[in-house]
Amino acid sequence: MSWFEALILGIVQGLTEFLPVSSSGHLAIGKALFGIETADLSFEIAVHAATVLATLVVFWKDILRLLQDLFKFKMNDGTRYILLLLVSMIPVFIVGVFFKDYVEDIFGSGLLVVGCCLVVTAALLFLSETLSARRAAKAETAGDGAQMSWKSALWMGLAQSVAVLPGLSRSGSTIATGLLCGVKREEVTRFSFLMVLIPILGEAFLDVVGGGFAASSVGSLQLAVGFLAAFISGLFACKLMIAIVKKARLRWFALYCVLVGIACIISVLV
């Protein structure tokens, strides 16, 4: 992998991490187009950590407020929200502990899996927007919806754990699941972006401690370039996605995922 390829893949990661089109799927597509093969997931972990840093920058006020509530050492809205986030992380923690090797094997399975998962992502986006639009029409208020509940947090956590599959969008799956649970659009987007912070940072930390980056098949320069590119483009995409979900325009992303998914499937079968 050259520094230029790392730059392009970093930009792709940053833009697609928050948009509901699967960053892992697009990284796999980018690698296939460039003819890149890596022996580990160090580059993926680095650019995912960069987009988590972008999330911290965008939501720093919310995170600071939650921490202030937490250190009051009593149950309040902030403490409850943190507990909801922890509940949402249980499924992905189980997958990370017991199925890590299996997930890494799937990442090397090629574009057929990516294409099929992109089609599934499209179906989720279309279904969630259609049903949430009907619910809003009945309520006669576009912003109507429930607050985040324990059940909704767990369902979104399950969606995130399944979205480790390349091509199945993490943000798309969690946002779609939250909307299907009837959660408010703005609330579900905020929760979706915050719930990934600890799992990704934890994975990056374990990789550093375990010497994964030091033994990576990708050079330090490429990792640094990819990280910076993903961080800068991620800042833009995060703010854009918040605005998009508020205006309920997920169907265009569903169409995009279908087209790209079909193209991936055809490229393998033809």
Protein backbone atom coordinates (compact mmCIF):
# COMPACT_ATOMS: atom_id res chain seq x y z
CA MET A 1 0.00 0.00 0.00
CA SER A 2 1.41 3.38 -1.02
CA TRP A 3 0.84 6.63 0.88
CA PHE A 4 -1.49 7.82 -1.91
CA GLU A 5 -3.60 4.68 -1.66
CA ALA A 6 -3.70 5.11 2.12
CA LEU A 7 -4.87 8.71 1.58
CA ILE A 8 -7.71 7.65 -0.72
CA LEU A 9 -8.79 4.80 1.54
CA GLY A 10 -8.67 7.11 4.58
CA ILE A 11 -10.94 9.62 2.85
CA VAL A 12 -13.29 6.80 1.86
CA GLN A 13 -13.38 5.56 5.45
CA GLY A 14 -14.06 9.01 6.87
CA LEU A 15 -16.88 9.77 4.45
CA THR A 16 -18.56 6.38 4.67
CA GLU A 17 -18.25 5.71 8.43
CA PHE A 18 -21.07 8.10 9.25
CA LEU A 19 -23.02 7.87 6.02
CA PRO A 20 -25.18 4.69 5.97
CA VAL A 21 -23.28 2.99 3.15
CA SER A 22 -20.77 0.79 5.07
CA SER A 23 -17.21 2.02 5.54
CA SER A 24 -15.86 -1.53 5.84
CA GLY A 25 -17.55 -2.48 2.58
CA HIS A 26 -16.10 0.54 0.79
CA LEU A 27 -12.65 -0.18 2.20
CA ALA A 28 -12.92 -3.71 0.80
CA ILE A 29 -14.01 -2.28 -2.57
CA GLY A 30 -11.16 0.24 -2.51
CA LYS A 31 -8.62 -2.46 -1.73
CA ALA A 32 -9.95 -4.59 -4.56
CA LEU A 33 -9.72 -1.71 -7.02
CA PHE A 34 -6.14 -0.91 -5.98
CA GLY A 35 -5.20 -4.58 -5.77
CA ILE A 36 -4.18 -4.24 -2.11
CA GLU A 37 -3.87 -7.25 0.16
CA THR A 38 -3.04 -6.91 3.86
CA ALA A 39 -2.31 -9.67 6.34
CA ASP A 40 -4.11 -7.98 9.25
CA LEU A 41 -6.72 -5.36 10.09
CA SER A 42 -4.34 -2.71 11.48
CA PHE A 43 -5.19 -0.18 8.77
CA GLU A 44 -8.91 -0.71 9.30
CA ILE A 45 -8.51 -0.25 13.05
CA ALA A 46 -6.43 2.91 12.58
CA VAL A 47 -8.91 4.64 10.26
CA HIS A 48 -11.85 3.55 12.41
CA ALA A 49 -10.10 5.08 15.43
CA ALA A 50 -9.71 8.29 13.41
CA THR A 51 -13.45 8.52 12.79
CA VAL A 52 -14.08 7.87 16.48
CA LEU A 53 -11.83 10.87 17.21
CA ALA A 54 -13.94 12.89 14.77
CA THR A 55 -17.03 11.82 16.73
CA LEU A 56 -15.41 13.02 19.95
CA VAL A 57 -14.74 16.42 18.38
CA VAL A 58 -18.29 16.83 17.04
CA PHE A 59 -20.02 15.64 20.22
CA TRP A 60 -17.53 16.92 22.81
CA LYS A 61 -20.14 19.07 24.55
CA ASP A 62 -22.55 16.13 24.86
CA ILE A 63 -19.77 13.85 26.12
CA LEU A 64 -18.58 16.44 28.66
CA ARG A 65 -22.15 16.88 29.93
CA LEU A 66 -22.56 13.11 30.31
CA LEU A 67 -19.30 12.83 32.26
CA GLN A 68 -20.30 15.69 34.52
CA ASP A 69 -23.58 13.92 35.28
CA LEU A 70 -21.75 10.63 35.85
CA PHE A 71 -19.39 12.10 38.45
CA LYS A 72 -22.27 13.46 40.47
CA PHE A 73 -22.50 9.81 41.60
CA LYS A 74 -26.27 9.62 41.51
CA MET A 75 -28.88 8.48 39.03
CA ASN A 76 -29.77 11.27 36.62
CA ASP A 77 -30.40 11.71 32.89
CA GLY A 78 -26.71 11.61 32.03
CA THR A 79 -26.00 8.52 34.14
CA ARG A 80 -29.01 6.76 32.62
CA TYR A 81 -27.79 7.61 29.11
CA ILE A 82 -24.32 6.21 29.85
CA LEU A 83 -25.91 3.00 31.16
CA LEU A 84 -27.94 2.79 27.94
CA LEU A 85 -24.72 3.12 25.94
CA LEU A 86 -23.11 0.35 28.01
CA VAL A 87 -26.12 -1.91 27.40
CA SER A 88 -25.81 -1.30 23.66
CA MET A 89 -22.16 -2.42 23.76
CA ILE A 90 -22.88 -5.86 25.24
CA PRO A 91 -23.61 -7.63 21.92
CA VAL A 92 -20.56 -6.24 20.10
CA PHE A 93 -18.40 -7.10 23.14
CA ILE A 94 -19.56 -10.72 22.91
CA VAL A 95 -18.79 -10.80 19.18
CA GLY A 96 -15.37 -9.23 19.73
CA VAL A 97 -14.39 -11.68 22.46
CA PHE A 98 -15.74 -14.95 21.07
CA PHE A 99 -15.89 -14.43 17.28
CA LYS A 100 -12.94 -12.12 16.50
CA ASP A 101 -11.08 -14.66 14.34
CA TYR A 102 -14.25 -15.50 12.43
CA VAL A 103 -14.89 -11.80 11.75
CA GLU A 104 -11.33 -11.33 10.46
CA ASP A 105 -11.85 -14.28 8.09
CA ILE A 106 -15.05 -12.70 6.78
CA PHE A 107 -13.18 -9.48 5.99
CA GLY A 108 -11.04 -11.46 3.58
CA SER A 109 -13.98 -13.22 1.94
CA GLY A 110 -14.19 -10.88 -1.07
CA LEU A 111 -16.73 -8.66 -2.79
CA LEU A 112 -19.56 -11.19 -2.95
CA VAL A 113 -20.21 -10.87 0.80
CA VAL A 114 -19.82 -7.08 0.55
CA GLY A 115 -22.33 -6.88 -2.29
CA CYS A 116 -24.94 -9.01 -0.53
CA CYS A 117 -24.55 -7.05 2.72
CA LEU A 118 -24.91 -3.73 0.88
CA VAL A 119 -28.23 -4.94 -0.53
CA VAL A 120 -29.33 -5.86 3.02
CA THR A 121 -28.28 -2.38 4.17
CA ALA A 122 -30.41 -0.84 1.43
CA ALA A 123 -33.44 -2.88 2.51
CA LEU A 124 -33.01 -1.78 6.14
CA LEU A 125 -32.72 1.89 5.19
CA PHE A 126 -35.75 1.79 2.91
CA LEU A 127 -37.89 -0.10 5.42
CA SER A 128 -36.96 2.15 8.38
CA GLU A 129 -37.59 5.38 6.49
CA THR A 130 -40.90 4.16 5.07
CA LEU A 131 -42.23 3.05 8.45
CA SER A 132 -40.93 6.08 10.35
CA ALA A 133 -42.47 8.40 7.73
CA ARG A 134 -45.85 6.70 8.17
CA ARG A 135 -45.53 6.99 11.95
CA ALA A 136 -44.69 10.69 11.67
CA ALA A 137 -47.61 11.28 9.31
CA LYS A 138 -50.02 9.72 11.79
CA ALA A 139 -48.58 11.85 14.57
CA GLU A 140 -48.78 14.92 12.31
CA THR A 141 -45.38 15.93 13.64
CA ALA A 142 -42.22 15.00 11.74
CA GLY A 143 -40.08 15.02 14.86
CA ASP A 144 -42.36 12.83 16.98
CA GLY A 145 -40.88 9.71 18.45
CA ALA A 146 -39.97 8.05 21.70
CA GLN A 147 -36.94 8.63 23.89
CA MET A 148 -34.19 6.01 23.98
CA SER A 149 -35.24 3.01 26.07
CA TRP A 150 -33.39 -0.05 27.38
CA LYS A 151 -35.06 -2.20 24.75
CA SER A 152 -34.15 0.19 21.92
CA ALA A 153 -30.53 0.39 23.15
CA LEU A 154 -30.24 -3.41 23.18
CA TRP A 155 -31.76 -3.76 19.71
CA MET A 156 -29.37 -1.10 18.36
CA GLY A 157 -26.52 -2.95 20.05
CA LEU A 158 -27.54 -6.19 18.33
CA ALA A 159 -27.63 -4.34 15.01
CA GLN A 160 -24.13 -3.01 15.65
CA SER A 161 -22.81 -6.48 16.45
CA VAL A 162 -24.19 -7.89 13.18
CA ALA A 163 -22.79 -4.90 11.28
CA VAL A 164 -19.24 -6.18 11.75
CA LEU A 165 -19.92 -7.88 8.41
CA PRO A 166 -18.24 -5.89 5.60
CA GLY A 167 -20.93 -4.16 3.55
CA LEU A 168 -23.49 -4.05 6.33
CA SER A 169 -23.41 -0.41 7.41
CA ARG A 170 -22.93 0.12 11.14
CA SER A 171 -24.48 3.59 11.19
CA GLY A 172 -27.17 2.53 8.73
CA SER A 173 -28.07 -0.59 10.71
CA THR A 174 -28.16 1.10 14.10
CA ILE A 175 -30.04 4.19 12.89
CA ALA A 176 -32.52 2.06 10.96
CA THR A 177 -33.07 -0.17 14.00
CA GLY A 178 -33.58 2.84 16.26
CA LEU A 179 -36.12 4.32 13.85
CA LEU A 180 -37.94 0.99 13.66
CA CYS A 181 -38.11 1.06 17.46
CA GLY A 182 -39.81 4.44 17.21
CA VAL A 183 -36.97 6.55 18.65
CA LYS A 184 -36.73 10.22 17.65
CA ARG A 185 -34.57 10.83 14.58
CA GLU A 186 -32.16 13.27 16.21
CA GLU A 187 -31.85 11.09 19.31
CA VAL A 188 -31.21 7.89 17.40
CA THR A 189 -28.47 9.52 15.30
CA ARG A 190 -26.69 10.89 18.37
CA PHE A 191 -26.91 7.53 20.15
CA SER A 192 -25.71 5.65 17.07
CA PHE A 193 -22.55 7.74 16.82
CA LEU A 194 -21.77 7.65 20.56
CA MET A 195 -22.33 3.91 21.03
CA VAL A 196 -19.34 3.02 18.83
CA LEU A 197 -16.78 5.07 20.77
CA ILE A 198 -15.68 2.57 23.41
CA PRO A 199 -15.66 -0.57 21.18
CA ILE A 200 -13.46 1.02 18.49
CA LEU A 201 -11.13 2.79 20.93
CA GLY A 202 -10.89 -0.44 22.93
CA GLU A 203 -9.97 -2.41 19.83
CA ALA A 204 -7.32 0.15 18.88
CA PHE A 205 -5.90 0.11 22.43
CA LEU A 206 -5.68 -3.68 22.49
CA ASP A 207 -3.95 -3.66 19.10
CA VAL A 208 -1.37 -1.16 20.35
CA VAL A 209 -0.76 -3.06 23.61
CA GLY A 210 -0.59 -6.37 21.78
CA GLY A 211 1.95 -5.02 19.28
CA GLY A 212 -0.47 -5.31 16.38
CA PHE A 213 0.49 -1.96 14.86
CA ALA A 214 4.21 -2.60 15.30
CA ALA A 215 3.91 -5.91 13.46
CA SER A 216 1.50 -4.56 10.87
CA SER A 217 2.00 -5.33 7.20
CA VAL A 218 1.12 -1.66 6.53
CA GLY A 219 3.87 0.92 7.04
CA SER A 220 3.79 3.66 9.69
CA LEU A 221 3.58 6.43 7.08
CA GLN A 222 0.56 4.80 5.43
CA LEU A 223 -1.15 4.31 8.80
CA ALA A 224 -0.55 7.97 9.70
CA VAL A 225 -1.77 9.29 6.33
CA GLY A 226 -4.85 7.08 6.45
CA PHE A 227 -5.59 8.19 10.02
CA LEU A 228 -5.39 11.91 9.22
CA ALA A 229 -7.43 11.56 6.03
CA ALA A 230 -10.15 9.59 7.83
CA PHE A 231 -10.26 12.11 10.69
CA ILE A 232 -10.65 15.19 8.48
CA SER A 233 -13.20 13.65 6.11
CA GLY A 234 -15.00 12.11 9.10
CA LEU A 235 -15.59 15.53 10.66
CA PHE A 236 -17.41 16.61 7.51
CA ALA A 237 -19.41 13.40 7.13
CA CYS A 238 -20.53 13.29 10.77
CA LYS A 239 -22.10 16.76 10.63
CA LEU A 240 -23.61 16.00 7.23
CA MET A 241 -25.23 12.78 8.43
CA ILE A 242 -26.90 14.52 11.37
CA ALA A 243 -28.55 16.97 8.97
CA ILE A 244 -29.56 14.20 6.54
CA VAL A 245 -31.31 12.05 9.14
CA LYS A 246 -33.25 15.06 10.42
CA LYS A 247 -34.57 15.64 6.89
CA ALA A 248 -35.38 11.94 6.37
CA ARG A 249 -33.55 11.32 3.12
CA LEU A 250 -32.22 7.82 3.66
CA ARG A 251 -33.84 6.39 0.53
CA TRP A 252 -31.16 7.88 -1.70
CA PHE A 253 -28.54 6.00 0.29
CA ALA A 254 -30.65 2.85 -0.02
CA LEU A 255 -30.61 3.26 -3.81
CA TYR A 256 -26.86 3.84 -3.78
CA CYS A 257 -26.26 0.72 -1.69
CA VAL A 258 -28.39 -1.39 -4.03
CA LEU A 259 -26.50 -0.20 -7.11
CA VAL A 260 -23.05 -0.66 -5.56
CA GLY A 261 -24.06 -4.00 -4.05
CA ILE A 262 -25.30 -5.34 -7.38
CA ALA A 263 -22.11 -4.09 -9.08
CA CYS A 264 -20.01 -5.98 -6.51
CA ILE A 265 -22.01 -9.18 -7.01
CA ILE A 266 -21.79 -8.94 -10.81
CA SER A 267 -18.01 -8.30 -10.64
CA VAL A 268 -17.59 -11.61 -8.82
CA LEU A 269 -20.05 -13.75 -10.81
CA VAL A 270 -19.28 -12.52 -14.32
